Amino acid sequence: MASAPLVIGGFDRTAGFKTRRFSNAEILWVAFVVVQALDGAMSYVGVSLHGPDIEGNPLVAWYLSAFGPALGFVVAKLFAVGCGAVLYLTGRRRWMALVTIVYIVFAVGPWIHVLSAGL
């Protein structure tokens, strides 16, 4: 698998300056987790401003009613990250990329619209 262009470096006194290239799979994993965190944070703000009826996912809405907004979103996002971890660890990177894109388009994007418009 080819390395991605992202390089992190550090200085080691014995070996000098070392760099590490992150693989595309690692970058995808981080992107997936960041998108989940963004969705969770924006959903929390949206529900706090507009009430729980604005949540479009019925399973997450159930979590909200059962646990309250803060814990409900934490549980939902931990479950999503766990599912993403299974995809990552089993080598289903294309599925993880697809799910990440779906979340950006159908979760994060709409929240950006709703929260920026003040609807």
PDB file of N, CA and C in Angstrom:
ATOM      1  N   MET A   1       0.849  -1.166   0.000  1.00  0.00           N
ATOM      2  CA  MET A   1       0.000   0.000   0.000  1.00  0.00           C
ATOM      3  C   MET A   1       0.893   1.228   0.000  1.00  0.00           C
ATOM      4  N   ALA A   2       0.563   2.178  -0.836  1.00  0.00           N
ATOM      5  CA  ALA A   2       1.364   3.401  -0.953  1.00  0.00           C
ATOM      6  C   ALA A   2       1.168   4.287   0.262  1.00  0.00           C
ATOM      7  N   SER A   3       2.218   5.008   0.584  1.00  0.00           N
ATOM      8  CA  SER A   3       2.145   5.929   1.714  1.00  0.00           C
ATOM      9  C   SER A   3       1.493   7.232   1.288  1.00  0.00           C
ATOM     10  N   ALA A   4       0.814   7.831   2.237  1.00  0.00           N
ATOM     11  CA  ALA A   4       0.187   9.127   2.001  1.00  0.00           C
ATOM     12  C   ALA A   4       1.222  10.228   2.195  1.00  0.00           C
ATOM     13  N   PRO A   5       0.937  11.420   1.704  1.00  0.00           N
ATOM     14  CA  PRO A   5       1.926  12.492   1.808  1.00  0.00           C
ATOM     15  C   PRO A   5       2.070  13.098   3.193  1.00  0.00           C
ATOM     16  N   LEU A   6       1.232  12.732   4.146  1.00  0.00           N
ATOM     17  CA  LEU A   6       1.318  13.308   5.481  1.00  0.00           C
ATOM     18  C   LEU A   6       2.513  12.715   6.213  1.00  0.00           C
ATOM     19  N   VAL A   7       3.408  13.583   6.699  1.00  0.00           N
ATOM     20  CA  VAL A   7       4.619  13.140   7.374  1.00  0.00           C
ATOM     21  C   VAL A   7       4.711  13.855   8.713  1.00  0.00           C
ATOM     22  N   ILE A   8       4.951  13.105   9.764  1.00  0.00           N
ATOM     23  CA  ILE A   8       5.167  13.656  11.101  1.00  0.00           C
ATOM     24  C   ILE A   8       6.604  13.344  11.479  1.00  0.00           C
ATOM     25  N   GLY A   9       7.293  14.335  11.974  1.00  0.00           N
ATOM     26  CA  GLY A   9       8.697  14.119  12.320  1.00  0.00           C
ATOM     27  C   GLY A   9       8.967  14.415  13.776  1.00  0.00           C
ATOM     28  N   GLY A  10      10.049  13.893  14.257  1.00  0.00           N
ATOM     29  CA  GLY A  10      10.491  14.136  15.620  1.00  0.00           C
ATOM     30  C   GLY A  10      11.984  13.932  15.702  1.00  0.00           C
ATOM     31  N   PHE A  11      12.601  14.521  16.699  1.00  0.00           N
ATOM     32  CA  PHE A  11      14.044  14.420  16.832  1.00  0.00           C
ATOM     33  C   PHE A  11      14.372  13.382  17.881  1.00  0.00           C
ATOM     34  N   ASP A  12      15.192  12.435  17.517  1.00  0.00           N
ATOM     35  CA  ASP A  12      15.682  11.405  18.428  1.00  0.00           C
ATOM     36  C   ASP A  12      17.177  11.672  18.612  1.00  0.00           C
ATOM     37  N   ARG A  13      17.617  11.829  19.860  1.00  0.00           N
ATOM     38  CA  ARG A  13      19.026  12.185  20.121  1.00  0.00           C
ATOM     39  C   ARG A  13      19.991  11.158  19.572  1.00  0.00           C
ATOM     40  N   THR A  14      19.606   9.899  19.565  1.00  0.00           N
ATOM     41  CA  THR A  14      20.547   8.876  19.114  1.00  0.00           C
ATOM     42  C   THR A  14      20.550   8.708  17.602  1.00  0.00           C
ATOM     43  N   ALA A  15      19.405   8.931  16.950  1.00  0.00           N
ATOM     44  CA  ALA A  15      19.334   8.671  15.516  1.00  0.00           C
ATOM     45  C   ALA A  15      19.139   9.929  14.687  1.00  0.00           C
ATOM     46  N   GLY A  16      18.955  11.064  15.327  1.00  0.00           N
ATOM     47  CA  GLY A  16      18.726  12.294  14.578  1.00  0.00           C
ATOM     48  C   GLY A  16      17.239  12.472  14.270  1.00  0.00           C
ATOM     49  N   PHE A  17      16.965  13.197  13.204  1.00  0.00           N
ATOM     50  CA  PHE A  17      15.590  13.512  12.835  1.00  0.00           C
ATOM     51  C   PHE A  17      14.956  12.332  12.105  1.00  0.00           C
ATOM     52  N   LYS A  18      13.813  11.873  12.611  1.00  0.00           N
ATOM     53  CA  LYS A  18      13.102  10.751  11.992  1.00  0.00           C
ATOM     54  C   LYS A  18      11.744  11.237  11.509  1.00  0.00           C
ATOM     55  N   THR A  19      11.283  10.652  10.440  1.00  0.00           N
ATOM     56  CA  THR A  19       9.942  10.961   9.945  1.00  0.00           C
ATOM     57  C   THR A  19       9.143   9.671   9.842  1.00  0.00           C
ATOM     58  N   ARG A  20       7.844   9.830   9.885  1.00  0.00           N
ATOM     59  CA  ARG A  20       6.946   8.684   9.736  1.00  0.00           C
ATOM     60  C   ARG A  20       5.844   9.078   8.778  1.00  0.00           C
ATOM     61  N   ARG A  21       5.620   8.273   7.788  1.00  0.00           N
ATOM     62  CA  ARG A  21       4.534   8.513   6.844  1.00  0.00           C
ATOM     63  C   ARG A  21       3.305   7.732   7.290  1.00  0.00           C
ATOM     64  N   PHE A  22       2.177   8.434   7.286  1.00  0.00           N
ATOM     65  CA  PHE A  22       0.919   7.773   7.621  1.00  0.00           C
ATOM     66  C   PHE A  22       0.342   7.150   6.361  1.00  0.00           C
ATOM     67  N   SER A  23      -0.183   5.951   6.496  1.00  0.00           N
ATOM     68  CA  SER A  23      -0.786   5.278   5.350  1.00  0.00           C
ATOM     69  C   SER A  23      -2.128   5.923   5.025  1.00  0.00           C
ATOM     70  N   ASN A  24      -2.620   5.660   3.831  1.00  0.00           N
ATOM     71  CA  ASN A  24      -3.940   6.150   3.447  1.00  0.00           C
ATOM     72  C   ASN A  24      -5.009   5.614   4.388  1.00  0.00           C
ATOM     73  N   ALA A  25      -4.846   4.379   4.827  1.00  0.00           N
ATOM     74  CA  ALA A  25      -5.826   3.773   5.739  1.00  0.00           C
ATOM     75  C   ALA A  25      -5.845   4.507   7.075  1.00  0.00           C
ATOM     76  N   GLU A  26      -4.677   4.892   7.575  1.00  0.00           N
ATOM     77  CA  GLU A  26      -4.625   5.639   8.842  1.00  0.00           C
ATOM     78  C   GLU A  26      -5.258   7.017   8.709  1.00  0.00           C
ATOM     79  N   ILE A  27      -5.002   7.675   7.596  1.00  0.00           N
ATOM     80  CA  ILE A  27      -5.611   8.983   7.358  1.00  0.00           C
ATOM     81  C   ILE A  27      -7.121   8.848   7.243  1.00  0.00           C
ATOM     82  N   LEU A  28      -7.581   7.809   6.565  1.00  0.00           N
ATOM     83  CA  LEU A  28      -9.014   7.556   6.445  1.00  0.00           C
ATOM     84  C   LEU A  28      -9.635   7.303   7.808  1.00  0.00           C
ATOM     85  N   TRP A  29      -8.957   6.546   8.649  1.00  0.00           N
ATOM     86  CA  TRP A  29      -9.468   6.266   9.996  1.00  0.00           C
ATOM     87  C   TRP A  29      -9.615   7.561  10.798  1.00  0.00           C
ATOM     88  N   VAL A  30      -8.604   8.410  10.752  1.00  0.00           N
ATOM     89  CA  VAL A  30      -8.668   9.692  11.463  1.00  0.00           C
ATOM     90  C   VAL A  30      -9.794  10.553  10.901  1.00  0.00           C
ATOM     91  N   ALA A  31      -9.947  10.581   9.582  1.00  0.00           N
ATOM     92  CA  ALA A  31     -11.032  11.355   8.966  1.00  0.00           C
ATOM     93  C   ALA A  31     -12.387  10.843   9.429  1.00  0.00           C
ATOM     94  N   PHE A  32     -12.544   9.528   9.495  1.00  0.00           N
ATOM     95  CA  PHE A  32     -13.802   8.934   9.950  1.00  0.00           C
ATOM     96  C   PHE A  32     -14.116   9.364  11.382  1.00  0.00           C
ATOM     97  N   VAL A  33     -13.129   9.289  12.255  1.00  0.00           N
ATOM     98  CA  VAL A  33     -13.335   9.656  13.663  1.00  0.00           C
ATOM     99  C   VAL A  33     -13.630  11.149  13.785  1.00  0.00           C
ATOM    100  N   VAL A  34     -12.928  11.985  13.035  1.00  0.00           N
ATOM    101  CA  VAL A  34     -13.174  13.431  13.081  1.00  0.00           C
ATOM    102  C   VAL A  34     -14.586  13.747  12.602  1.00  0.00           C
ATOM    103  N   VAL A  35     -15.038  13.101  11.530  1.00  0.00           N
ATOM    104  CA  VAL A  35     -16.390  13.331  11.029  1.00  0.00           C
ATOM    105  C   VAL A  35     -17.427  12.889  12.064  1.00  0.00           C
ATOM    106  N   GLN A  36     -17.175  11.772  12.746  1.00  0.00           N
ATOM    107  CA  GLN A  36     -18.095  11.339  13.803  1.00  0.00           C
ATOM    108  C   GLN A  36     -18.139  12.352  14.943  1.00  0.00           C
ATOM    109  N   ALA A  37     -16.981  12.877  15.318  1.00  0.00           N
ATOM    110  CA  ALA A  37     -16.934  13.880  16.392  1.00  0.00           C
ATOM    111  C   ALA A  37     -17.652  15.158  15.976  1.00  0.00           C
ATOM    112  N   LEU A  38     -17.448  15.587  14.735  1.00  0.00           N
ATOM    113  CA  LEU A  38     -18.147  16.778  14.242  1.00  0.00           C
ATOM    114  C   LEU A  38     -19.652  16.568  14.242  1.00  0.00           C
ATOM    115  N   ASP A  39     -20.083  15.414  13.762  1.00  0.00           N
ATOM    116  CA  ASP A  39     -21.517  15.126  13.744  1.00  0.00           C
ATOM    117  C   ASP A  39     -22.087  15.113  15.155  1.00  0.00           C
ATOM    118  N   GLY A  40     -21.385  14.498  16.082  1.00  0.00           N
ATOM    119  CA  GLY A  40     -21.855  14.460  17.466  1.00  0.00           C
ATOM    120  C   GLY A  40     -21.937  15.843  18.090  1.00  0.00           C
ATOM    121  N   ALA A  41     -20.912  16.652  17.886  1.00  0.00           N
ATOM    122  CA  ALA A  41     -20.898  18.002  18.463  1.00  0.00           C
ATOM    123  C   ALA A  41     -21.978  18.877  17.845  1.00  0.00           C
ATOM    124  N   MET A  42     -22.093  18.836  16.512  1.00  0.00           N
ATOM    125  CA  MET A  42     -23.117  19.655  15.862  1.00  0.00           C
ATOM    126  C   MET A  42     -24.522  19.179  16.203  1.00  0.00           C
ATOM    127  N   SER A  43     -24.699  17.879  16.311  1.00  0.00           N
ATOM    128  CA  SER A  43     -26.012  17.348  16.692  1.00  0.00           C
ATOM    129  C   SER A  43     -26.377  17.797  18.102  1.00  0.00           C
ATOM    130  N   TYR A  44     -25.419  17.773  18.998  1.00  0.00           N
ATOM    131  CA  TYR A  44     -25.674  18.216  20.371  1.00  0.00           C
ATOM    132  C   TYR A  44     -26.083  19.686  20.405  1.00  0.00           C
ATOM    133  N   VAL A  45     -25.351  20.507  19.667  1.00  0.00           N
ATOM    134  CA  VAL A  45     -25.689  21.937  19.615  1.00  0.00           C
ATOM    135  C   VAL A  45     -27.068  22.128  18.987  1.00  0.00           C
ATOM    136  N   GLY A  46     -27.334  21.420  17.899  1.00  0.00           N
ATOM    137  CA  GLY A  46     -28.628  21.540  17.241  1.00  0.00           C
ATOM    138  C   GLY A  46     -29.786  21.124  18.127  1.00  0.00           C
ATOM    139  N   VAL A  47     -29.621  20.022  18.838  1.00  0.00           N
ATOM    140  CA  VAL A  47     -30.678  19.558  19.744  1.00  0.00           C
ATOM    141  C   VAL A  47     -30.821  20.515  20.921  1.00  0.00           C
ATOM    142  N   SER A  48     -29.715  21.063  21.392  1.00  0.00           N
ATOM    143  CA  SER A  48     -29.780  22.031  22.493  1.00  0.00           C
ATOM    144  C   SER A  48     -30.520  23.300  22.077  1.00  0.00           C
ATOM    145  N   LEU A  49     -30.321  23.733  20.835  1.00  0.00           N
ATOM    146  CA  LEU A  49     -30.966  24.962  20.358  1.00  0.00           C
ATOM    147  C   LEU A  49     -32.409  24.749  19.907  1.00  0.00           C
ATOM    148  N   HIS A  50     -32.668  23.607  19.271  1.00  0.00           N
ATOM    149  CA  HIS A  50     -33.958  23.407  18.610  1.00  0.00           C
ATOM    150  C   HIS A  50     -34.809  22.280  19.193  1.00  0.00           C
ATOM    151  N   GLY A  51     -34.313  21.594  20.175  1.00  0.00           N
ATOM    152  CA  GLY A  51     -35.074  20.501  20.781  1.00  0.00           C
ATOM    153  C   GLY A  51     -34.788  19.163  20.123  1.00  0.00           C
ATOM    154  N   PRO A  52     -35.162  18.086  20.792  1.00  0.00           N
ATOM    155  CA  PRO A  52     -34.831  16.744  20.300  1.00  0.00           C
ATOM    156  C   PRO A  52     -35.561  16.341  19.021  1.00  0.00           C
ATOM    157  N   ASP A  53     -36.638  17.047  18.673  1.00  0.00           N
ATOM    158  CA  ASP A  53     -37.377  16.676  17.460  1.00  0.00           C
ATOM    159  C   ASP A  53     -36.601  16.958  16.179  1.00  0.00           C
ATOM    160  N   ILE A  54     -35.531  17.752  16.259  1.00  0.00           N
ATOM    161  CA  ILE A  54     -34.745  18.060  15.064  1.00  0.00           C
ATOM    162  C   ILE A  54     -33.835  16.895  14.668  1.00  0.00           C
ATOM    163  N   GLU A  55     -33.578  15.970  15.587  1.00  0.00           N
ATOM    164  CA  GLU A  55     -32.720  14.813  15.284  1.00  0.00           C
ATOM    165  C   GLU A  55     -33.449  13.904  14.297  1.00  0.00           C
ATOM    166  N   GLY A  56     -32.813  13.647  13.153  1.00  0.00           N
ATOM    167  CA  GLY A  56     -33.439  12.878  12.085  1.00  0.00           C
ATOM    168  C   GLY A  56     -33.249  11.375  12.188  1.00  0.00           C
ATOM    169  N   ASN A  57     -32.293  10.914  12.971  1.00  0.00           N
ATOM    170  CA  ASN A  57     -32.040   9.480  13.092  1.00  0.00           C
ATOM    171  C   ASN A  57     -32.881   8.926  14.239  1.00  0.00           C
ATOM    172  N   PRO A  58     -33.822   8.017  13.961  1.00  0.00           N
ATOM    173  CA  PRO A  58     -34.696   7.518  15.026  1.00  0.00           C
ATOM    174  C   PRO A  58     -33.954   6.770  16.131  1.00  0.00           C
ATOM    175  N   LEU A  59     -32.885   6.078  15.797  1.00  0.00           N
ATOM    176  CA  LEU A  59     -32.119   5.375  16.820  1.00  0.00           C
ATOM    177  C   LEU A  59     -31.430   6.372  17.753  1.00  0.00           C
ATOM    178  N   VAL A  60     -30.841   7.411  17.186  1.00  0.00           N
ATOM    179  CA  VAL A  60     -30.202   8.436  18.013  1.00  0.00           C
ATOM    180  C   VAL A  60     -31.261   9.179  18.830  1.00  0.00           C
ATOM    181  N   ALA A  61     -32.419   9.429  18.241  1.00  0.00           N
ATOM    182  CA  ALA A  61     -33.509  10.084  18.981  1.00  0.00           C
ATOM    183  C   ALA A  61     -33.914   9.231  20.185  1.00  0.00           C
ATOM    184  N   TRP A  62     -33.908   7.908  20.014  1.00  0.00           N
ATOM    185  CA  TRP A  62     -34.221   7.027  21.149  1.00  0.00           C
ATOM    186  C   TRP A  62     -33.140   7.139  22.221  1.00  0.00           C
ATOM    187  N   TYR A  63     -31.867   7.162  21.786  1.00  0.00           N
ATOM    188  CA  TYR A  63     -30.770   7.347  22.748  1.00  0.00           C
ATOM    189  C   TYR A  63     -30.953   8.643  23.532  1.00  0.00           C
ATOM    190  N   LEU A  64     -31.368   9.708  22.839  1.00  0.00           N
ATOM    191  CA  LEU A  64     -31.566  10.999  23.496  1.00  0.00           C
ATOM    192  C   LEU A  64     -32.657  10.916  24.553  1.00  0.00           C
ATOM    193  N   SER A  65     -33.751  10.235  24.218  1.00  0.00           N
ATOM    194  CA  SER A  65     -34.843  10.134  25.189  1.00  0.00           C
ATOM    195  C   SER A  65     -34.473   9.204  26.344  1.00  0.00           C
ATOM    196  N   ALA A  66     -33.656   8.208  26.067  1.00  0.00           N
ATOM    197  CA  ALA A  66     -33.296   7.240  27.110  1.00  0.00           C
ATOM    198  C   ALA A  66     -32.194   7.770  28.030  1.00  0.00           C
ATOM    199  N   PHE A  67     -31.198   8.462  27.472  1.00  0.00           N
ATOM    200  CA  PHE A  67     -30.014   8.847  28.243  1.00  0.00           C
ATOM    201  C   PHE A  67     -29.830  10.352  28.421  1.00  0.00           C
ATOM    202  N   GLY A  68     -30.595  11.158  27.690  1.00  0.00           N
ATOM    203  CA  GLY A  68     -30.361  12.596  27.679  1.00  0.00           C
ATOM    204  C   GLY A  68     -29.417  12.936  26.546  1.00  0.00           C
ATOM    205  N   PRO A  69     -29.358  14.221  26.158  1.00  0.00           N
ATOM    206  CA  PRO A  69     -28.572  14.588  24.980  1.00  0.00           C
ATOM    207  C   PRO A  69     -27.082  14.278  25.078  1.00  0.00           C
ATOM    208  N   ALA A  70     -26.438  14.651  26.160  1.00  0.00           N
ATOM    209  CA  ALA A  70     -24.978  14.475  26.243  1.00  0.00           C
ATOM    210  C   ALA A  70     -24.596  12.995  26.166  1.00  0.00           C
ATOM    211  N   LEU A  71     -25.139  12.206  27.050  1.00  0.00           N
ATOM    212  CA  LEU A  71     -24.802  10.781  27.068  1.00  0.00           C
ATOM    213  C   LEU A  71     -25.348  10.064  25.841  1.00  0.00           C
ATOM    214  N   GLY A  72     -26.513  10.493  25.373  1.00  0.00           N
ATOM    215  CA  GLY A  72     -27.093   9.881  24.175  1.00  0.00           C
ATOM    216  C   GLY A  72     -26.195  10.015  22.967  1.00  0.00           C
ATOM    217  N   PHE A  73     -25.659  11.216  22.751  1.00  0.00           N
ATOM    218  CA  PHE A  73     -24.758  11.399  21.608  1.00  0.00           C
ATOM    219  C   PHE A  73     -23.431  10.690  21.816  1.00  0.00           C
ATOM    220  N   VAL A  74     -22.934  10.666  23.040  1.00  0.00           N
ATOM    221  CA  VAL A  74     -21.684   9.939  23.304  1.00  0.00           C
ATOM    222  C   VAL A  74     -21.862   8.459  22.992  1.00  0.00           C
ATOM    223  N   VAL A  75     -22.964   7.874  23.458  1.00  0.00           N
ATOM    224  CA  VAL A  75     -23.228   6.453  23.193  1.00  0.00           C
ATOM    225  C   VAL A  75     -23.355   6.203  21.692  1.00  0.00           C
ATOM    226  N   ALA A  76     -24.118   7.050  21.006  1.00  0.00           N
ATOM    227  CA  ALA A  76     -24.313   6.871  19.562  1.00  0.00           C
ATOM    228  C   ALA A  76     -23.002   6.990  18.798  1.00  0.00           C
ATOM    229  N   LYS A  77     -22.180   7.964  19.147  1.00  0.00           N
ATOM    230  CA  LYS A  77     -20.925   8.171  18.421  1.00  0.00           C
ATOM    231  C   LYS A  77     -19.895   7.094  18.769  1.00  0.00           C
ATOM    232  N   LEU A  78     -19.881   6.641  20.014  1.00  0.00           N
ATOM    233  CA  LEU A  78     -18.985   5.528  20.363  1.00  0.00           C
ATOM    234  C   LEU A  78     -19.368   4.262  19.603  1.00  0.00           C
ATOM    235  N   PHE A  79     -20.667   4.031  19.460  1.00  0.00           N
ATOM    236  CA  PHE A  79     -21.127   2.886  18.673  1.00  0.00           C
ATOM    237  C   PHE A  79     -20.680   3.023  17.219  1.00  0.00           C
ATOM    238  N   ALA A  80     -20.836   4.230  16.652  1.00  0.00           N
ATOM    239  CA  ALA A  80     -20.436   4.459  15.266  1.00  0.00           C
ATOM    240  C   ALA A  80     -18.926   4.278  15.090  1.00  0.00           C
ATOM    241  N   VAL A  81     -18.136   4.805  16.029  1.00  0.00           N
ATOM    242  CA  VAL A  81     -16.680   4.646  15.949  1.00  0.00           C
ATOM    243  C   VAL A  81     -16.301   3.175  16.109  1.00  0.00           C
ATOM    244  N   GLY A  82     -17.006   2.459  16.965  1.00  0.00           N
ATOM    245  CA  GLY A  82     -16.767   1.017  17.098  1.00  0.00           C
ATOM    246  C   GLY A  82     -17.035   0.275  15.801  1.00  0.00           C
ATOM    247  N   CYS A  83     -18.125   0.626  15.135  1.00  0.00           N
ATOM    248  CA  CYS A  83     -18.422   0.006  13.841  1.00  0.00           C
ATOM    249  C   CYS A  83     -17.354   0.363  12.810  1.00  0.00           C
ATOM    250  N   GLY A  84     -16.897   1.625  12.837  1.00  0.00           N
ATOM    251  CA  GLY A  84     -15.816   2.028  11.942  1.00  0.00           C
ATOM    252  C   GLY A  84     -14.524   1.293  12.234  1.00  0.00           C
ATOM    253  N   ALA A  85     -14.271   1.029  13.508  1.00  0.00           N
ATOM    254  CA  ALA A  85     -13.066   0.275  13.881  1.00  0.00           C
ATOM    255  C   ALA A  85     -13.123  -1.140  13.317  1.00  0.00           C
ATOM    256  N   VAL A  86     -14.304  -1.733  13.334  1.00  0.00           N
ATOM    257  CA  VAL A  86     -14.449  -3.074  12.750  1.00  0.00           C
ATOM    258  C   VAL A  86     -14.146  -3.024  11.254  1.00  0.00           C
ATOM    259  N   LEU A  87     -14.675  -2.005  10.563  1.00  0.00           N
ATOM    260  CA  LEU A  87     -14.378  -1.862   9.133  1.00  0.00           C
ATOM    261  C   LEU A  87     -12.886  -1.665   8.897  1.00  0.00           C
ATOM    262  N   TYR A  88     -12.248  -0.824   9.714  1.00  0.00           N
ATOM    263  CA  TYR A  88     -10.820  -0.551   9.567  1.00  0.00           C
ATOM    264  C   TYR A  88      -9.987  -1.811   9.816  1.00  0.00           C
ATOM    265  N   LEU A  89     -10.279  -2.496  10.897  1.00  0.00           N
ATOM    266  CA  LEU A  89      -9.467  -3.663  11.276  1.00  0.00           C
ATOM    267  C   LEU A  89      -9.676  -4.863  10.365  1.00  0.00           C
ATOM    268  N   THR A  90     -10.821  -4.928   9.693  1.00  0.00           N
ATOM    269  CA  THR A  90     -11.073  -6.034   8.774  1.00  0.00           C
ATOM    270  C   THR A  90     -10.721  -5.681   7.332  1.00  0.00           C
ATOM    271  N   GLY A  91     -10.126  -4.507   7.138  1.00  0.00           N
ATOM    272  CA  GLY A  91      -9.653  -4.134   5.817  1.00  0.00           C
ATOM    273  C   GLY A  91     -10.738  -3.653   4.872  1.00  0.00           C
ATOM    274  N   ARG A  92     -11.875  -3.277   5.384  1.00  0.00           N
ATOM    275  CA  ARG A  92     -12.981  -2.773   4.558  1.00  0.00           C
ATOM    276  C   ARG A  92     -12.866  -1.249   4.414  1.00  0.00           C
ATOM    277  N   ARG A  93     -11.744  -0.813   3.842  1.00  0.00           N
ATOM    278  CA  ARG A  93     -11.451   0.610   3.768  1.00  0.00           C
ATOM    279  C   ARG A  93     -12.384   1.352   2.818  1.00  0.00           C
ATOM    280  N   ARG A  94     -12.787   0.694   1.728  1.00  0.00           N
ATOM    281  CA  ARG A  94     -13.712   1.356   0.797  1.00  0.00           C
ATOM    282  C   ARG A  94     -15.060   1.610   1.457  1.00  0.00           C
ATOM    283  N   TRP A  95     -15.529   0.662   2.253  1.00  0.00           N
ATOM    284  CA  TRP A  95     -16.790   0.860   2.965  1.00  0.00           C
ATOM    285  C   TRP A  95     -16.652   1.989   3.977  1.00  0.00           C
ATOM    286  N   MET A  96     -15.510   2.038   4.657  1.00  0.00           N
ATOM    287  CA  MET A  96     -15.293   3.105   5.634  1.00  0.00           C
ATOM    288  C   MET A  96     -15.237   4.463   4.931  1.00  0.00           C
ATOM    289  N   ALA A  97     -14.617   4.525   3.772  1.00  0.00           N
ATOM    290  CA  ALA A  97     -14.583   5.775   3.006  1.00  0.00           C
ATOM    291  C   ALA A  97     -15.994   6.168   2.570  1.00  0.00           C
ATOM    292  N   LEU A  98     -16.773   5.195   2.128  1.00  0.00           N
ATOM    293  CA  LEU A  98     -18.149   5.476   1.713  1.00  0.00           C
ATOM    294  C   LEU A  98     -18.983   5.995   2.879  1.00  0.00           C
ATOM    295  N   VAL A  99     -18.862   5.351   4.033  1.00  0.00           N
ATOM    296  CA  VAL A  99     -19.611   5.791   5.213  1.00  0.00           C
ATOM    297  C   VAL A  99     -19.174   7.194   5.632  1.00  0.00           C
ATOM    298  N   THR A 100     -17.887   7.486   5.548  1.00  0.00           N
ATOM    299  CA  THR A 100     -17.390   8.817   5.889  1.00  0.00           C
ATOM    300  C   THR A 100     -17.992   9.864   4.960  1.00  0.00           C
ATOM    301  N   ILE A 101     -18.025   9.580   3.679  1.00  0.00           N
ATOM    302  CA  ILE A 101     -18.603  10.513   2.710  1.00  0.00           C
ATOM    303  C   ILE A 101     -20.101  10.689   2.954  1.00  0.00           C
ATOM    304  N   VAL A 102     -20.792   9.586   3.235  1.00  0.00           N
ATOM    305  CA  VAL A 102     -22.230   9.670   3.518  1.00  0.00           C
ATOM    306  C   VAL A 102     -22.478  10.546   4.739  1.00  0.00           C
ATOM    307  N   TYR A 103     -21.673  10.396   5.781  1.00  0.00           N
ATOM    308  CA  TYR A 103     -21.824  11.235   6.977  1.00  0.00           C
ATOM    309  C   TYR A 103     -21.550  12.706   6.669  1.00  0.00           C
ATOM    310  N   ILE A 104     -20.553  12.972   5.845  1.00  0.00           N
ATOM    311  CA  ILE A 104     -20.259  14.362   5.498  1.00  0.00           C
ATOM    312  C   ILE A 104     -21.444  14.976   4.744  1.00  0.00           C
ATOM    313  N   VAL A 105     -21.981  14.240   3.777  1.00  0.00           N
ATOM    314  CA  VAL A 105     -23.049  14.770   2.929  1.00  0.00           C
ATOM    315  C   VAL A 105     -24.388  14.836   3.656  1.00  0.00           C
ATOM    316  N   PHE A 106     -24.738  13.775   4.406  1.00  0.00           N
ATOM    317  CA  PHE A 106     -26.082  13.683   4.971  1.00  0.00           C
ATOM    318  C   PHE A 106     -26.182  13.984   6.467  1.00  0.00           C
ATOM    319  N   ALA A 107     -25.067  14.224   7.134  1.00  0.00           N
ATOM    320  CA  ALA A 107     -25.118  14.544   8.563  1.00  0.00           C
ATOM    321  C   ALA A 107     -24.411  15.872   8.843  1.00  0.00           C
ATOM    322  N   VAL A 108     -23.129  15.942   8.539  1.00  0.00           N
ATOM    323  CA  VAL A 108     -22.370  17.157   8.848  1.00  0.00           C
ATOM    324  C   VAL A 108     -22.833  18.316   7.963  1.00  0.00           C
ATOM    325  N   GLY A 109     -23.007  18.082   6.686  1.00  0.00           N
ATOM    326  CA  GLY A 109     -23.449  19.135   5.771  1.00  0.00           C
ATOM    327  C   GLY A 109     -24.767  19.777   6.189  1.00  0.00           C
ATOM    328  N   PRO A 110     -25.812  18.976   6.423  1.00  0.00           N
ATOM    329  CA  PRO A 110     -27.069  19.576   6.878  1.00  0.00           C
ATOM    330  C   PRO A 110     -26.947  20.320   8.204  1.00  0.00           C
ATOM    331  N   TRP A 111     -26.142  19.788   9.137  1.00  0.00           N
ATOM    332  CA  TRP A 111     -25.968  20.506  10.406  1.00  0.00           C
ATOM    333  C   TRP A 111     -25.282  21.836  10.184  1.00  0.00           C
ATOM    334  N   ILE A 112     -24.295  21.882   9.281  1.00  0.00           N
ATOM    335  CA  ILE A 112     -23.643  23.158   8.969  1.00  0.00           C
ATOM    336  C   ILE A 112     -24.685  24.141   8.443  1.00  0.00           C
ATOM    337  N   HIS A 113     -25.551  23.675   7.570  1.00  0.00           N
ATOM    338  CA  HIS A 113     -26.592  24.537   7.008  1.00  0.00           C
ATOM    339  C   HIS A 113     -27.549  25.035   8.098  1.00  0.00           C
ATOM    340  N   VAL A 114     -28.043  24.116   8.921  1.00  0.00           N
ATOM    341  CA  VAL A 114     -29.006  24.483   9.965  1.00  0.00           C
ATOM    342  C   VAL A 114     -28.381  25.420  10.989  1.00  0.00           C
ATOM    343  N   LEU A 115     -27.181  25.095  11.436  1.00  0.00           N
ATOM    344  CA  LEU A 115     -26.565  25.916  12.487  1.00  0.00           C
ATOM    345  C   LEU A 115     -26.075  27.268  11.962  1.00  0.00           C
ATOM    346  N   SER A 116     -25.640  27.332  10.722  1.00  0.00           N
ATOM    347  CA  SER A 116     -25.179  28.609  10.189  1.00  0.00           C
ATOM    348  C   SER A 116     -26.345  29.523   9.815  1.00  0.00           C
ATOM    349  N   ALA A 117     -27.471  28.928   9.443  1.00  0.00           N
ATOM    350  CA  ALA A 117     -28.648  29.725   9.068  1.00  0.00           C
ATOM    351  C   ALA A 117     -29.453  30.139  10.298  1.00  0.00           C
ATOM    352  N   GLY A 118     -29.196  29.482  11.420  1.00  0.00           N
ATOM    353  CA  GLY A 118     -29.932  29.801  12.642  1.00  0.00           C
ATOM    354  C   GLY A 118     -31.390  29.380  12.573  1.00  0.00           C
ATOM    355  N   LEU A 119     -31.636  28.339  11.780  1.00  0.00           N
ATOM    356  CA  LEU A 119     -33.024  27.883  11.614  1.00  0.00           C
ATOM    357  C   LEU A 119     -33.585  27.330  12.873  1.00  0.00           C
TER     358      LEU A 119
END
